[in-house]
Amino acid sequence: MSEAALRVEQLRRSFSVRGCTRVALDGIDLELNGGTVHGLLGPNGAGKTTLCRIAATVLLPTSGRVQVFGKDVVSDTAAVRRSIGIVFGGERGLYGRLTATQNLRFWCAMYGMKRREGRATAVTLLDRVGLGDRGDTPVETFSRGMKQRLHLARGLVADAPMLLLDEPTVGMDPVSARDFRILVDELRREGRTVLLTTHDMAEAQAVCDTVTFIDGGRIIGSGTPATVRRLATATRRIVVHDVPEPEAQQLIALLVEADLPTQTEIDDRSQTVNLTVPGEKVEPAMALILRAGHSSITSAPPDLTAVYLEMLGRRADGTERGMQVG
């Protein structure tokens, strides 16, 4: 069996805040296979960025162990840093008065590239992230999404086998986000390992081979997108098609009257009613919908968004929590 790209064992990280100890990671275990894309999903403050920063050797663990391609992040820091490319969200790390090309050439020089190699690498990477025509533009004039794309290019400078991408599509428009997904697929095909943190469930479902839900510094569930969808067995999605808005309201009223609890969403443009129904209520809900004269119905297990809301709507210890997802 090949060596794990990332192995996390009983990792704990705590901070002292105003004399109080705050636990950001509480003894988590995680293992990533090489050449895969793994999504780390959870609300703000869950511990996602802390895990990425420890794997990137930016933070030290309080206890536990993290290895990147078999190298320990504490005792073999230099080897780990040669194996990873990092993209943290936000606007730090870019020099606004320099052009996009100058920014990348600076980072190429930091990695020991000669000038000619740095120039060629900068051009190639700007093309790859869709900024090929903005190489001579000062970064201070870039939109947030463009800066995030430049961050992606910077993360690829080292040509590292593992990439840590912390909220990489923040501020991107839909077209840029789509291009990002294509890029991630290309990186996977090249055999790279990608650890991606995101709040975008559609993004996670589109690009990730495996996902992990984390909350309060603890792992709530992990597996392939299909596997974790089955973890949310308490609900099922029902979509009723070809329902004009007045009829949609009537249908929802019938479900409420029949004491069939659901989460409902009416889409006027597509004339659909989207229902999330408790598992034991699926059959009576379907029967009621058919009796109401609606025959165009589809049903499926919950998508990652529904799983996220169900799993992270309760704490790691099983108690309920209020959702504060940023």
Foldseek 3Di string as FASTA:
>chain_A
DADFQKWWFQFWAWDQDPNDIATQAGGETDTHHWLFEEEEEEFPSLNQVVVLCQLCLNDPTPDTWMDGSNHTCPPRVVVSNLQEFEQAADQPPADQQAFLLVSQLVLLVVVPDDNVVSNVLSCVLCVLQVNNVRRRPGNNPDFSQVSLSSSVSSSCSSVHQEYEHEASRVRPDPVSLVSVLVVLVVSSVVRHYYYYYHNDLVSCLSRGQKYWYTGSNYTQDIDGQVVLLVVPLQKKKKKFFDAAPVRLVVLVVVCVVVVFDWDWDADNVRRMIITIGTNVSVVVSVVSCVVSPGDDMDMDRDGVVVSNCVRNCADSVGHGDHDDHD
